[in-house]
């Protein structure tokens, strides 16, 4: 049997952030197991975060093919939607409508034809036996459909997020015909795939009703980071945070505690490292704890590890939307590597809550429970003052990429049975 795998992923170094870690690490580990890995990615992508140092961790045996892509969203130079002034609200709505209803399945649609042809040719010429497409963007799965139809390759579709139920779609003015189009494309992907992998158990359960060869392969981390003691009671977050993730209850509770506990206020340090919507930054401005909060720019992972190791508590936020329970931020597993207690904000019936509870790695709060959140923060502060670390996670080692790659390898081999 051929040992050649072709992976199509839009996100690849120098893309930074937590999302790119998944297939960089899986690719590295698959190549060490004995697979001959080739990756097709974009030549001129529009990445929100850049980390050039990640290029150096790619196994030298991995072949990377970069194909030019035209992404019209790159023409709109703006940090985020919050930067559009009131006078431009109409323009903003027009742009969102166009993005939602004219670009299918996403703004990388102009990449599909070119990559489908080159990937098909590559599979045929190089006797590739397994194709893996990772989404979002979901245009990669359309490419997977095309290659599968034109070759006898075994195809595994990787869903880092659900498709038709993608939480970002809930924020777009999608017309009913476009919703149906996404649902149909998702259904076709599930039916055509020889195997489906997702990052959340609830999504796997849903997809297994259509494709019985559906499996959960979580995101992960590589190794544990050595902790450093902080002089301040330091609460930290890393990554991108959109307005819909803003934990307003978190700021409210910290303000409340700070006003009544002078020592807490004196010891408090809040560091958010990454990229944040203006509404989140403005939410903190003028508050009692404003002087204690620092919004810092994204830093490369090597330096990020150094800074995050100084935390006492790690903050994690999903999206504040009803019935969204299958979104597990990739940074959860990065947080596991840091060995600090996690305060997460999510729906309480979510996969995230289940994992954090199972691993005893922190506590999850919904976006309205002030009393329990306040008591928990005061407990963590008490531990900080006493010098104790009452943090005893269980089995987080199961989420290392070494362990997860073995499961992925088994799934790949099963597609040939």
Foldseek 3Di string as FASTA:
>chain_A
DALEEEEEEQDEPQADDLVNQFVQLLQQLSVVVPHQYEYEYADDDDHLHGFNVSVVSRDPSYHYHHDHFDQVVVVDDDNDPLPDDPVCPVVSLVVLQCQQEVDPPGRRLRVQVVLLVVVLVCCVVVVHAEYEYEDDVCSSLVSVLSSVVNDVHAYEYEYQDDWLVGVVSVVGPHDPVSSVVRVVSSLSSLQSHLAYEYQFPVVQVVSCVRPVRYYYQHAAAAAAFAADEAQAQEEEEEEEDEPQFQLLLVLVLLLVCVVVPVVNLVRAAYEYEDHYRVVNLVSLPPGPNVVRYDYHYHDHPVVVSVVLSHHQEYEETDGQDPPPAGNDDSCVNVVVSSQHAYEYEDPCVHRNQVVCVQFVRYHYDYSPPNPVVNVVVVVSVVCSVVVHGPGDTHDSVCRHSNNSSVVVVVSVVVSVD
